[in-house]
Protein backbone atom coordinates (compact mmCIF):
# COMPACT_ATOMS: atom_id res chain seq x y z
CA UNK A 1 196.54 98.69 309.30
CA UNK A 2 196.37 102.18 307.74
CA UNK A 3 193.11 103.74 308.90
CA UNK A 4 192.55 105.26 305.49
CA UNK A 5 192.58 101.76 303.99
CA UNK A 6 190.07 100.28 306.41
CA UNK A 7 187.15 98.74 304.55
CA UNK A 8 183.86 100.60 304.68
CA UNK A 9 180.44 99.51 303.52
CA UNK A 10 180.27 102.55 301.27
CA UNK A 11 183.29 101.27 299.32
CA UNK A 12 181.41 98.34 297.83
CA UNK A 13 178.36 100.55 297.27
CA UNK A 14 180.54 103.01 295.36
CA UNK A 15 181.92 100.31 293.08
CA UNK A 16 178.40 99.03 292.35
CA UNK A 17 177.09 102.54 291.67
CA UNK A 18 179.92 103.22 289.22
CA UNK A 19 179.15 100.01 287.31
CA UNK A 20 175.42 100.81 287.37
CA UNK A 21 176.03 104.33 286.05
CA UNK A 22 178.19 102.89 283.26
CA UNK A 23 175.44 100.43 282.31
CA UNK A 24 172.84 103.20 282.20
CA UNK A 25 175.07 105.41 280.06
CA UNK A 26 175.88 102.63 277.58
CA UNK A 27 172.24 101.59 277.22
CA UNK A 28 171.29 105.22 276.60
CA UNK A 29 174.13 105.52 274.07
CA UNK A 30 173.01 102.43 272.16
CA UNK A 31 169.45 103.73 272.01
CA UNK A 32 170.73 107.18 271.05
CA UNK A 33 172.65 105.66 268.15
CA UNK A 34 169.39 104.32 266.74
CA UNK A 35 170.28 100.67 267.28
CA UNK A 36 166.68 99.63 268.02
CA UNK A 37 165.03 101.29 265.06
CA UNK A 38 164.48 104.67 266.69
CA UNK A 39 165.96 107.83 265.26
CA UNK A 40 169.60 108.63 266.01
CA UNK A 41 170.53 111.64 268.13
CA UNK A 42 171.29 113.88 265.17
CA UNK A 43 167.80 113.24 263.78
CA UNK A 44 165.99 114.03 267.02
CA UNK A 45 164.66 117.42 268.12
CA UNK A 46 163.73 118.21 264.53
CA UNK A 47 167.31 117.83 263.40
CA UNK A 48 168.46 120.72 265.61
CA UNK A 49 171.30 118.58 266.97
CA UNK A 50 172.66 117.69 263.53
CA UNK A 51 175.80 119.20 262.04
CA UNK A 52 173.75 121.88 260.24
CA UNK A 53 171.77 122.77 263.34
CA UNK A 54 173.79 125.90 264.08
CA UNK A 55 176.89 127.86 263.13
CA UNK A 56 178.79 126.24 266.03
CA UNK A 57 178.08 122.58 265.30
CA UNK A 58 181.13 120.43 264.40
CA UNK A 59 181.21 118.00 261.48
CA UNK A 60 180.03 114.44 262.00
CA UNK A 61 183.47 112.78 262.41
CA UNK A 62 184.08 114.90 265.51
CA UNK A 63 181.63 112.75 267.44
CA UNK A 64 183.84 109.68 267.03
CA UNK A 65 185.65 110.93 270.13
CA UNK A 66 182.76 109.48 272.12
CA UNK A 67 184.12 106.01 271.29
CA UNK A 68 187.42 106.89 272.99
CA UNK A 69 185.66 108.43 275.99
CA UNK A 70 183.28 105.48 276.38
CA UNK A 71 186.10 102.96 276.11
CA UNK A 72 188.01 104.91 278.74
CA UNK A 73 185.01 104.97 281.07
CA UNK A 74 184.44 101.24 280.57
CA UNK A 75 188.08 100.55 281.42
CA UNK A 76 187.89 102.81 284.47
CA UNK A 77 184.69 101.18 285.72
CA UNK A 78 186.16 97.68 285.46
CA UNK A 79 189.44 98.76 287.05
CA UNK A 80 187.81 100.55 289.98
CA UNK A 81 185.71 97.44 290.68
CA UNK A 82 188.79 95.32 291.40
CA UNK A 83 189.20 94.33 295.07
CA UNK A 84 192.51 96.16 295.26
CA UNK A 85 190.78 99.46 294.40
CA UNK A 86 187.96 99.12 296.93
CA UNK A 87 189.65 101.10 299.71
CA UNK A 88 191.83 103.26 297.47
CA UNK A 89 191.57 106.89 298.73
CA UNK A 90 191.61 108.17 295.15
CA UNK A 91 188.62 106.01 294.31
CA UNK A 92 186.84 107.23 297.40
CA UNK A 93 187.42 110.81 296.35
CA UNK A 94 186.48 110.36 292.69
CA UNK A 95 184.33 107.26 292.18
CA UNK A 96 181.03 108.89 293.13
CA UNK A 97 181.82 111.95 291.00
CA UNK A 98 182.70 109.90 287.92
CA UNK A 99 179.49 107.92 288.42
CA UNK A 100 177.59 111.23 288.45
CA UNK A 101 179.17 112.31 285.16
CA UNK A 102 178.24 109.01 283.50
CA UNK A 103 174.68 109.29 284.80
CA UNK A 104 174.31 112.83 283.46
CA UNK A 105 175.83 111.68 280.17
CA UNK A 106 173.10 109.07 279.86
CA UNK A 107 170.41 111.52 281.00
CA UNK A 108 171.38 113.88 278.19
CA UNK A 109 170.63 111.12 275.68
CA UNK A 110 167.32 110.46 277.40
CA UNK A 111 166.50 114.18 277.27
CA UNK A 112 167.36 114.30 273.57
CA UNK A 113 165.10 111.32 272.87
CA UNK A 114 162.14 112.03 275.11
CA UNK A 115 162.50 115.64 276.31
CA UNK A 116 162.87 119.08 274.80
CA UNK A 117 165.82 120.85 273.26
CA UNK A 118 165.91 123.25 276.21
CA UNK A 119 166.10 120.27 278.59
CA UNK A 120 169.17 118.97 276.72
CA UNK A 121 170.85 122.34 277.37
CA UNK A 122 170.05 122.12 281.09
CA UNK A 123 171.41 118.58 281.34
CA UNK A 124 174.60 119.26 279.39
CA UNK A 125 175.34 122.34 281.52
CA UNK A 126 174.96 120.15 284.62
CA UNK A 127 177.25 117.57 283.00
CA UNK A 128 179.84 120.24 282.23
CA UNK A 129 179.74 121.48 285.83
CA UNK A 130 180.08 117.93 287.17
CA UNK A 131 183.02 117.21 284.87
CA UNK A 132 184.71 120.46 285.83
CA UNK A 133 184.41 119.61 289.51
CA UNK A 134 185.54 116.01 288.96
CA UNK A 135 188.60 117.09 286.99
CA UNK A 136 189.44 119.69 289.63
CA UNK A 137 189.34 117.03 292.36
CA UNK A 138 191.31 114.58 290.19
CA UNK A 139 194.22 116.93 289.58
CA UNK A 140 194.17 118.60 293.01
CA UNK A 141 193.82 115.57 295.30
CA UNK A 142 196.88 114.85 297.41
CA UNK A 143 196.16 111.14 297.60
CA UNK A 144 198.90 108.96 296.05
CA UNK A 145 198.31 108.11 292.41
CA UNK A 146 198.42 104.55 291.17
CA UNK A 147 200.89 105.04 288.35
CA UNK A 148 200.14 105.21 284.64
CA UNK A 149 196.81 103.37 284.85
CA UNK A 150 195.52 105.80 287.45
CA UNK A 151 196.67 108.83 285.46
CA UNK A 152 195.20 107.59 282.19
CA UNK A 153 191.87 106.25 283.46
CA UNK A 154 191.11 109.05 285.90
CA UNK A 155 192.92 112.23 284.85
CA UNK A 156 193.14 111.37 281.16
CA UNK A 157 189.62 110.12 280.52
CA UNK A 158 188.00 112.79 282.68
CA UNK A 159 190.07 115.43 280.90
CA UNK A 160 188.94 114.22 277.46
CA UNK A 161 185.34 114.09 278.65
CA UNK A 162 185.57 117.63 280.03
CA UNK A 163 187.25 119.09 276.94
CA UNK A 164 184.74 117.58 274.55
CA UNK A 165 181.68 118.46 276.63
CA UNK A 166 182.93 122.06 276.87
CA UNK A 167 182.54 122.39 273.11
CA UNK A 168 179.41 120.20 273.03
CA UNK A 169 177.76 122.57 275.52
CA UNK A 170 178.46 125.48 273.18
CA UNK A 171 177.08 123.57 270.19
CA UNK A 172 174.02 122.35 272.11
CA UNK A 173 173.23 125.85 273.39
CA UNK A 174 173.72 127.35 269.93
CA UNK A 175 171.36 124.75 268.47
CA UNK A 176 168.69 125.70 271.00
CA UNK A 177 169.13 129.45 270.50
CA UNK A 178 168.97 128.99 266.73
CA UNK A 179 165.41 127.67 267.14
CA UNK A 180 164.18 130.57 269.32
CA UNK A 181 165.95 133.77 268.20
CA UNK A 182 164.48 135.95 265.43
CA UNK A 183 165.55 134.90 261.90
CA UNK A 184 167.20 138.28 261.25
CA UNK A 185 169.82 137.43 263.89
CA UNK A 186 171.46 135.25 261.24
CA UNK A 187 172.91 138.43 259.75
CA UNK A 188 175.13 138.69 262.85
CA UNK A 189 175.81 134.94 263.12
CA UNK A 190 179.49 135.16 262.18
CA UNK A 191 180.19 137.98 264.63
CA UNK A 192 178.36 136.19 267.44
CA UNK A 193 180.09 132.90 266.61
CA UNK A 194 183.52 134.54 266.71
CA UNK A 195 182.73 136.13 270.08
CA UNK A 196 181.60 132.80 271.49
CA UNK A 197 184.75 131.07 270.24
CA UNK A 198 186.92 133.71 271.92
CA UNK A 199 185.15 132.85 275.18
CA UNK A 200 185.82 129.16 274.46
CA UNK A 201 189.51 129.99 274.08
CA UNK A 202 189.53 131.69 277.48
CA UNK A 203 187.73 128.75 279.06
CA UNK A 204 190.15 126.27 277.49
CA UNK A 205 193.16 128.21 278.75
CA UNK A 206 191.57 128.52 282.19
CA UNK A 207 191.05 124.76 282.38
CA UNK A 208 194.67 124.18 281.35
CA UNK A 209 196.00 126.70 283.87
CA UNK A 210 193.89 125.40 286.76
CA UNK A 211 194.93 121.82 286.02
CA UNK A 212 198.67 122.58 285.91
CA UNK A 213 198.54 122.49 282.10
CA UNK A 214 197.15 118.97 281.65
CA UNK A 215 196.87 118.37 277.93
CA UNK A 216 193.88 116.02 277.60
CA UNK A 217 191.09 118.64 277.90
CA UNK A 218 192.87 120.74 275.27
CA UNK A 219 193.22 117.73 272.95
CA UNK A 220 189.47 117.07 273.01
CA UNK A 221 188.59 120.74 272.69
CA UNK A 222 190.98 121.25 269.77
CA UNK A 223 189.62 118.11 268.10
CA UNK A 224 186.09 119.49 268.23
CA UNK A 225 187.16 122.95 267.10
CA UNK A 226 189.00 121.48 264.13
CA UNK A 227 185.90 119.67 262.95
CA UNK A 228 183.80 122.76 263.63
CA UNK A 229 186.08 124.57 261.20
CA UNK A 230 185.69 121.81 258.62
CA UNK A 231 181.90 122.06 258.82
CA UNK A 232 181.89 125.86 258.51
CA UNK A 233 184.21 125.77 255.50
CA UNK A 234 182.41 123.05 253.56
CA UNK A 235 179.07 122.41 255.24
CA UNK A 236 175.91 124.32 255.98
CA UNK A 237 175.50 126.91 257.31
CA UNK A 238 178.79 128.11 255.88
CA UNK A 239 180.95 130.77 257.55
CA UNK A 240 184.59 131.23 256.68
CA UNK A 241 185.19 133.73 259.54
CA UNK A 242 183.93 131.23 262.12
CA UNK A 243 185.97 128.45 260.51
CA UNK A 244 189.17 130.49 260.63
CA UNK A 245 188.49 131.55 264.22
CA UNK A 246 187.88 127.93 265.24
CA UNK A 247 191.30 126.93 263.89
CA UNK A 248 193.01 129.82 265.68
CA UNK A 249 191.26 128.96 268.95
CA UNK A 250 192.21 125.29 268.58
CA UNK A 251 195.87 126.30 268.29
CA UNK A 252 195.60 128.73 271.21
CA UNK A 253 194.11 126.17 273.61
CA UNK A 254 196.33 123.26 272.53
CA UNK A 255 199.82 124.70 272.14
CA UNK A 256 200.54 125.88 275.74
CA UNK A 257 199.61 122.59 277.50
CA UNK A 258 201.26 120.59 274.70
CA UNK A 259 204.52 122.47 275.20
CA UNK A 260 204.36 122.00 278.99
CA UNK A 261 203.64 118.28 278.55
CA UNK A 262 206.58 117.94 276.16
CA UNK A 263 208.87 119.72 278.61
CA UNK A 264 207.71 117.36 281.36
CA UNK A 265 208.69 114.40 279.22
CA UNK A 266 212.10 115.91 278.56
CA UNK A 267 212.58 117.23 282.10
CA UNK A 268 210.26 115.45 284.56
CA UNK A 269 210.92 118.11 287.22
CA UNK A 270 209.00 120.76 285.25
CA UNK A 271 205.85 121.73 287.21
């Protein structure tokens, strides 16, 4: 028997922890959606987390991407719990990390409901760091992949989660800073917003480069940036310069990995 496939007690523990983390995250998400009569996330923290909470908040439809991410995480959690995945080296390398990201995801919702706005920033930064590390391990691991299912449920879902949380961290931090900086800073809001979005573009390109131009983080990031532009053009606070910059950044972060992915489909040997 392959030594790497020998059953360990930690394998079952890992599968249980992943399912437990998923349960915690989903319960927190249901509560955060206001399903039990409490206020929804966008109405908590004095409305600071709503679409008009800062100049870098995306429009409401952007948050529908959570449905895709949650469905992906549910599918992953069920798949990794199958007996055939128990001793899979890829699961051993990534299961605990993905469980951590789901736990931090749920903790952010708890922080938004019961904590402070600053605490939500701390938690989402930790979530971003955990997702960055998880995605790095996912794309760098030399363990054999399990085909399309493995690629979609590990690399794909983690990539979407990372791309979206990258922008969500920016929006969350901007919402917090909006509540603490002097009011006269609003005069420089467009300039500051443009500078931040340029940094987002660099981060998005760095993620793509470090992941051999995987496209899923860029898809989620571009999705959020597109809706950020929509909100700045037609919502409040309004800023055409930030809206235009958001569109440009979305194109910049999406086009290179999209081209590489297309070339890989045409010529699978492209690295």
